Amino acid sequence: MRNQSFNFDEALKQLQSGKNLLGTDGILTPLIKQLTEAALQAEIEHYLSTTSIDTRKNGYYSKNG
C-alpha cells in the first residue's frame, strides 16, 4: 500500500493558515516520511542487487578431497 503523494498546494494553504512546518502534525512531516521511505527502499534494492550469494556459508557446497 503506497502513501498518497505530498500535495504542495495543500501544504501552501496550511502554511498560510499558520500551521507548523515540523513536528508530529507538521506540514512537512508527510514529505519527510515519503522521502525517507523512498531512500530506504532504494538502499534495500541497491543492496540486494549488488550482494552476491555465497553458498559456502550456508553449508550447501560440494566438498573436495
N, C-alpha and C. Protein backbone atom coordinates (compact mmCIF):
# COMPACT_ATOMS: atom_id res chain seq x y z
N MET A 1 0.84 -1.18 0.00
CA MET A 1 0.00 0.00 0.00
C MET A 1 0.88 1.24 0.00
N ARG A 2 0.76 2.06 -1.01
CA ARG A 2 1.58 3.26 -1.11
C ARG A 2 0.88 4.45 -0.48
N ASN A 3 1.69 5.32 0.09
CA ASN A 3 1.15 6.54 0.67
C ASN A 3 0.79 7.52 -0.44
N GLN A 4 -0.12 8.38 -0.10
CA GLN A 4 -0.51 9.42 -1.04
C GLN A 4 0.65 10.39 -1.20
N SER A 5 0.82 10.91 -2.41
CA SER A 5 1.91 11.85 -2.68
C SER A 5 1.71 13.15 -1.92
N PHE A 6 2.80 13.82 -1.65
CA PHE A 6 2.77 15.10 -0.95
C PHE A 6 2.07 16.13 -1.83
N ASN A 7 1.14 16.85 -1.27
CA ASN A 7 0.36 17.84 -2.01
C ASN A 7 0.90 19.24 -1.69
N PHE A 8 1.63 19.81 -2.64
CA PHE A 8 2.26 21.12 -2.41
C PHE A 8 1.23 22.23 -2.25
N ASP A 9 0.16 22.17 -3.02
CA ASP A 9 -0.88 23.20 -2.92
C ASP A 9 -1.53 23.19 -1.53
N GLU A 10 -1.82 21.99 -1.04
CA GLU A 10 -2.41 21.87 0.29
C GLU A 10 -1.42 22.33 1.36
N ALA A 11 -0.15 22.00 1.18
CA ALA A 11 0.88 22.43 2.13
C ALA A 11 0.98 23.95 2.16
N LEU A 12 0.90 24.58 1.02
CA LEU A 12 0.96 26.05 0.96
C LEU A 12 -0.23 26.67 1.68
N LYS A 13 -1.41 26.11 1.50
CA LYS A 13 -2.61 26.60 2.19
C LYS A 13 -2.45 26.46 3.70
N GLN A 14 -1.91 25.32 4.12
CA GLN A 14 -1.71 25.09 5.55
C GLN A 14 -0.68 26.06 6.12
N LEU A 15 0.37 26.31 5.36
CA LEU A 15 1.41 27.26 5.80
C LEU A 15 0.82 28.66 5.94
N GLN A 16 0.03 29.06 4.97
CA GLN A 16 -0.60 30.37 5.01
C GLN A 16 -1.59 30.51 6.16
N SER A 17 -2.18 29.40 6.59
CA SER A 17 -3.12 29.44 7.70
C SER A 17 -2.43 29.38 9.06
N GLY A 18 -1.09 29.23 9.06
CA GLY A 18 -0.33 29.28 10.30
C GLY A 18 0.05 27.94 10.89
N LYS A 19 -0.15 26.86 10.17
CA LYS A 19 0.20 25.53 10.67
C LYS A 19 1.72 25.40 10.73
N ASN A 20 2.23 24.66 11.70
CA ASN A 20 3.66 24.45 11.88
C ASN A 20 4.24 23.63 10.72
N LEU A 21 5.50 23.92 10.38
CA LEU A 21 6.19 23.17 9.33
C LEU A 21 6.61 21.79 9.80
N LEU A 22 7.14 21.72 11.03
CA LEU A 22 7.69 20.47 11.56
C LEU A 22 6.88 19.98 12.74
N GLY A 23 7.21 18.81 13.19
CA GLY A 23 6.51 18.22 14.33
C GLY A 23 5.60 17.10 13.87
N THR A 24 4.94 16.47 14.83
CA THR A 24 4.10 15.32 14.54
C THR A 24 3.02 15.63 13.50
N ASP A 25 2.39 16.76 13.62
CA ASP A 25 1.34 17.15 12.68
C ASP A 25 1.79 18.26 11.74
N GLY A 26 3.10 18.41 11.55
CA GLY A 26 3.64 19.48 10.73
C GLY A 26 3.35 19.30 9.24
N ILE A 27 3.46 20.39 8.53
CA ILE A 27 3.20 20.40 7.09
C ILE A 27 4.18 19.50 6.35
N LEU A 28 5.44 19.53 6.75
CA LEU A 28 6.47 18.77 6.03
C LEU A 28 6.61 17.31 6.49
N THR A 29 5.91 16.93 7.55
CA THR A 29 6.04 15.58 8.08
C THR A 29 5.71 14.50 7.04
N PRO A 30 4.61 14.62 6.28
CA PRO A 30 4.35 13.59 5.25
C PRO A 30 5.42 13.55 4.16
N LEU A 31 5.96 14.70 3.79
CA LEU A 31 7.00 14.74 2.77
C LEU A 31 8.28 14.08 3.29
N ILE A 32 8.66 14.37 4.51
CA ILE A 32 9.85 13.77 5.11
C ILE A 32 9.68 12.25 5.19
N LYS A 33 8.50 11.80 5.58
CA LYS A 33 8.22 10.37 5.65
C LYS A 33 8.32 9.73 4.27
N GLN A 34 7.74 10.37 3.28
CA GLN A 34 7.77 9.84 1.91
C GLN A 34 9.21 9.76 1.39
N LEU A 35 10.01 10.79 1.62
CA LEU A 35 11.40 10.80 1.18
C LEU A 35 12.22 9.73 1.91
N THR A 36 12.00 9.59 3.20
CA THR A 36 12.73 8.59 3.99
C THR A 36 12.42 7.18 3.51
N GLU A 37 11.13 6.90 3.28
CA GLU A 37 10.74 5.57 2.81
C GLU A 37 11.30 5.28 1.42
N ALA A 38 11.31 6.29 0.54
CA ALA A 38 11.87 6.10 -0.81
C ALA A 38 13.37 5.84 -0.74
N ALA A 39 14.07 6.57 0.13
CA ALA A 39 15.51 6.38 0.27
C ALA A 39 15.83 4.99 0.82
N LEU A 40 15.07 4.55 1.82
CA LEU A 40 15.29 3.22 2.39
C LEU A 40 15.00 2.12 1.36
N GLN A 41 13.94 2.28 0.59
CA GLN A 41 13.61 1.30 -0.44
C GLN A 41 14.71 1.23 -1.49
N ALA A 42 15.23 2.39 -1.91
CA ALA A 42 16.31 2.42 -2.89
C ALA A 42 17.57 1.76 -2.33
N GLU A 43 17.85 2.00 -1.04
CA GLU A 43 19.02 1.39 -0.41
C GLU A 43 18.88 -0.13 -0.36
N ILE A 44 17.70 -0.60 -0.01
CA ILE A 44 17.45 -2.06 0.04
C ILE A 44 17.61 -2.66 -1.35
N GLU A 45 17.01 -2.04 -2.36
CA GLU A 45 17.11 -2.56 -3.72
C GLU A 45 18.55 -2.57 -4.21
N HIS A 46 19.31 -1.52 -3.90
CA HIS A 46 20.72 -1.47 -4.30
C HIS A 46 21.51 -2.57 -3.60
N TYR A 47 21.27 -2.74 -2.32
CA TYR A 47 21.98 -3.77 -1.56
C TYR A 47 21.69 -5.15 -2.12
N LEU A 48 20.42 -5.43 -2.38
CA LEU A 48 20.04 -6.74 -2.89
C LEU A 48 20.57 -6.99 -4.29
N SER A 49 20.71 -5.95 -5.09
CA SER A 49 21.20 -6.14 -6.46
C SER A 49 22.72 -6.27 -6.52
N THR A 50 23.42 -5.85 -5.48
CA THR A 50 24.88 -5.91 -5.50
C THR A 50 25.46 -6.98 -4.58
N THR A 51 24.63 -7.63 -3.80
CA THR A 51 25.11 -8.64 -2.86
C THR A 51 25.10 -10.00 -3.54
N SER A 52 26.26 -10.62 -3.59
CA SER A 52 26.33 -11.96 -4.18
C SER A 52 26.03 -12.98 -3.10
N ILE A 53 25.44 -14.07 -3.51
CA ILE A 53 25.12 -15.14 -2.57
C ILE A 53 26.30 -16.10 -2.50
N ASP A 54 26.82 -16.26 -1.33
CA ASP A 54 27.96 -17.14 -1.11
C ASP A 54 27.46 -18.43 -0.47
N THR A 55 27.34 -19.48 -1.25
CA THR A 55 26.76 -20.73 -0.75
C THR A 55 27.69 -21.45 0.22
N ARG A 56 28.94 -21.08 0.30
CA ARG A 56 29.84 -21.73 1.25
C ARG A 56 29.41 -21.47 2.68
N LYS A 57 28.76 -20.37 2.94
CA LYS A 57 28.40 -20.02 4.30
C LYS A 57 27.16 -20.76 4.79
N ASN A 58 26.35 -21.28 3.88
CA ASN A 58 25.13 -21.95 4.35
C ASN A 58 25.23 -23.47 4.31
N GLY A 59 26.41 -24.01 4.00
CA GLY A 59 26.61 -25.44 4.06
C GLY A 59 26.28 -26.19 2.79
N TYR A 60 25.84 -25.55 1.75
CA TYR A 60 25.45 -26.21 0.51
C TYR A 60 26.55 -26.07 -0.55
N TYR A 61 27.58 -26.84 -0.41
CA TYR A 61 28.64 -26.85 -1.42
C TYR A 61 29.27 -28.25 -1.43
N SER A 62 29.85 -28.57 -2.54
CA SER A 62 30.47 -29.89 -2.62
C SER A 62 31.84 -29.84 -1.98
N LYS A 63 32.14 -30.89 -1.27
CA LYS A 63 33.44 -30.96 -0.59
C LYS A 63 34.43 -31.72 -1.45
N ASN A 64 35.57 -31.14 -1.57
CA ASN A 64 36.65 -31.78 -2.36
C ASN A 64 37.66 -32.39 -1.41
N GLY A 65 38.13 -33.58 -1.76
CA GLY A 65 39.23 -34.13 -1.02
C GLY A 65 38.92 -35.18 -0.12
